[in-house]
């Protein structure tokens, strides 16, 4: 990862400040559904933790 804002997010029209507050995930055809489900489970658990 990097602390620099994603050029993809910036190119989508977001400000640098907004872009620095994002997390960008990249998937490819070689990712399995199991891997995607695992990533989503972790993200969901973290979101619940930070909502408190």
Protein backbone atom coordinates (compact mmCIF):
# COMPACT_ATOMS: atom_id res chain seq x y z
CA UNK A 1 0.00 0.00 0.00
CA UNK A 2 0.87 3.63 -0.16
CA UNK A 3 -0.14 6.84 1.53
CA UNK A 4 -0.35 8.62 -1.83
CA UNK A 5 -3.86 9.02 -3.22
CA UNK A 6 -4.70 6.50 -5.92
CA UNK A 7 -4.37 7.90 -9.43
CA UNK A 8 -7.43 5.83 -10.37
CA UNK A 9 -9.54 7.44 -7.63
CA UNK A 10 -8.26 10.90 -8.60
CA UNK A 11 -9.05 10.21 -12.26
CA UNK A 12 -12.58 9.32 -11.19
CA UNK A 13 -13.03 12.93 -10.12
CA UNK A 14 -12.47 12.68 -6.37
CA UNK A 15 -10.47 15.33 -4.54
CA UNK A 16 -7.06 14.46 -3.10
CA UNK A 17 -8.54 14.64 0.39
CA UNK A 18 -11.34 12.22 -0.49
CA UNK A 19 -8.92 9.98 -2.37
CA UNK A 20 -6.67 9.74 0.69
CA UNK A 21 -9.68 8.48 2.66
CA UNK A 22 -10.32 5.53 0.38
CA UNK A 23 -9.13 1.97 0.19
CA UNK A 24 -8.79 0.55 -3.29
CA UNK A 25 -9.00 -3.17 -3.94
CA UNK A 26 -7.96 -4.83 -7.16
CA UNK A 27 -9.17 -8.23 -8.24
CA UNK A 28 -8.43 -10.28 -11.31
CA UNK A 29 -9.79 -13.32 -13.06
CA UNK A 30 -7.31 -15.42 -11.10
CA UNK A 31 -9.01 -14.58 -7.78
CA UNK A 32 -11.38 -17.25 -6.55
CA UNK A 33 -14.79 -16.53 -5.10
CA UNK A 34 -13.45 -17.93 -1.83
CA UNK A 35 -10.76 -15.23 -1.78
CA UNK A 36 -13.29 -12.50 -2.54
CA UNK A 37 -15.63 -13.79 0.18
CA UNK A 38 -12.73 -13.86 2.64
CA UNK A 39 -11.77 -10.27 1.82
CA UNK A 40 -15.38 -9.14 2.19
CA UNK A 41 -15.67 -10.91 5.54
CA UNK A 42 -12.60 -9.09 6.85
CA UNK A 43 -13.80 -5.73 5.53
CA UNK A 44 -17.22 -6.28 7.09
CA UNK A 45 -15.69 -7.18 10.46
CA UNK A 46 -13.46 -4.11 10.40
CA UNK A 47 -16.38 -1.86 9.45
CA UNK A 48 -18.39 -3.18 12.39
CA UNK A 49 -15.42 -2.62 14.71
CA UNK A 50 -14.92 0.99 13.62
CA UNK A 51 -18.65 1.83 13.75
CA UNK A 52 -18.64 1.42 17.53
